[in-house]
């Protein structure tokens, strides 16, 4: 879940997270309020790696995995009337 509070204009979102492909959303015009800009990150396929040995360990029960997601909201130099809303 995320939210944004932006000025009138044309906007797009760029989302980055380690291990995932960078995602750039379609351009949307504000207003009207945008409530249906759903974004899904796609995991990157790791490159082939040759291992001489592999050790597998079970993480401790209290281990938590965190994911840093960076979202950049970018304003385009257009009026809201010039923006195109994505078609669903």
Protein backbone atom coordinates (compact mmCIF):
# COMPACT_ATOMS: atom_id res chain seq x y z
CA UNK A 1 0.00 0.00 0.00
CA UNK A 2 1.18 3.50 -0.73
CA UNK A 3 -0.34 6.92 -1.15
CA UNK A 4 0.65 10.18 -2.71
CA UNK A 5 -0.39 13.78 -2.30
CA UNK A 6 0.80 15.73 -5.33
CA UNK A 7 0.08 19.01 -7.09
CA UNK A 8 -2.01 19.25 -10.24
CA UNK A 9 -0.16 17.95 -13.28
CA UNK A 10 1.09 14.86 -15.07
CA UNK A 11 2.93 12.35 -12.91
CA UNK A 12 4.65 8.99 -13.16
CA UNK A 13 6.24 6.79 -10.50
CA UNK A 14 9.60 5.01 -10.68
CA UNK A 15 9.98 2.14 -8.19
CA UNK A 16 13.30 0.44 -7.40
CA UNK A 17 14.19 -2.38 -5.00
CA UNK A 18 17.29 -4.59 -4.74
CA UNK A 19 16.85 -7.81 -6.74
CA UNK A 20 13.94 -6.46 -8.79
CA UNK A 21 13.67 -4.80 -12.20
CA UNK A 22 13.07 -1.05 -12.04
CA UNK A 23 9.45 -0.23 -12.83
CA UNK A 24 8.15 3.00 -14.37
CA UNK A 25 4.39 3.56 -14.18
CA UNK A 26 2.22 5.02 -16.92
CA UNK A 27 1.78 8.79 -16.86
CA UNK A 28 -1.36 9.85 -15.01
CA UNK A 29 -3.09 13.21 -14.77
CA UNK A 30 -4.02 14.73 -11.42
CA UNK A 31 -6.82 15.67 -10.88
CA UNK A 32 -8.82 13.49 -10.75
CA UNK A 33 -7.58 11.50 -7.78
CA UNK A 34 -5.67 8.39 -8.91
CA UNK A 35 -6.69 5.35 -6.85
CA UNK A 36 -6.01 2.54 -9.32
CA UNK A 37 -2.28 2.82 -10.04
CA UNK A 38 -1.30 -0.71 -9.01
CA UNK A 39 2.36 -1.60 -9.52
CA UNK A 40 4.02 -5.04 -9.25
CA UNK A 41 7.78 -5.47 -9.12
CA UNK A 42 9.28 -8.34 -11.12
CA UNK A 43 12.22 -10.26 -9.61
CA UNK A 44 15.37 -10.14 -11.71
CA UNK A 45 16.68 -13.44 -13.00
CA UNK A 46 20.11 -14.02 -11.46
CA UNK A 47 22.99 -14.62 -13.81
CA UNK A 48 24.54 -18.08 -13.85
CA UNK A 49 27.10 -18.61 -11.09
CA UNK A 50 29.45 -21.57 -10.74
CA UNK A 51 29.85 -22.81 -7.16
CA UNK A 52 32.70 -24.92 -5.86
CA UNK A 53 30.70 -25.74 -2.73
CA UNK A 54 27.28 -24.89 -1.37
CA UNK A 55 26.22 -24.73 2.26
CA UNK A 56 22.56 -24.46 3.17
CA UNK A 57 21.57 -22.92 6.49
CA UNK A 58 18.16 -22.53 8.05
CA UNK A 59 17.59 -18.95 9.27
CA UNK A 60 16.86 -18.38 12.94
CA UNK A 61 13.16 -18.25 13.81
CA UNK A 62 13.51 -14.58 14.67
CA UNK A 63 15.18 -13.62 11.38
CA UNK A 64 13.28 -10.97 9.46
CA UNK A 65 13.69 -10.14 5.83
CA UNK A 66 13.43 -6.50 4.85
CA UNK A 67 13.03 -4.96 1.44
CA UNK A 68 13.90 -1.36 0.74
CA UNK A 69 11.62 0.08 -1.89
CA UNK A 70 12.41 3.50 -3.26
CA UNK A 71 9.67 5.30 -5.13
CA UNK A 72 10.28 8.53 -7.00
CA UNK A 73 7.35 10.67 -8.02
CA UNK A 74 8.15 12.79 -11.07
CA UNK A 75 6.19 15.75 -12.39
CA UNK A 76 6.06 16.28 -16.15
CA UNK A 77 5.76 19.77 -17.59
CA UNK A 78 2.20 19.26 -18.84
CA UNK A 79 -1.23 20.29 -17.67
CA UNK A 80 -3.60 17.66 -16.32
CA UNK A 81 -5.72 18.03 -19.47
CA UNK A 82 -2.71 17.01 -21.61
CA UNK A 83 -2.12 13.78 -19.68
CA UNK A 84 -3.35 10.41 -20.82
CA UNK A 85 -4.89 8.10 -18.26
CA UNK A 86 -3.90 4.45 -18.67
CA UNK A 87 -6.68 2.28 -20.08
CA UNK A 88 -7.63 -0.82 -18.09
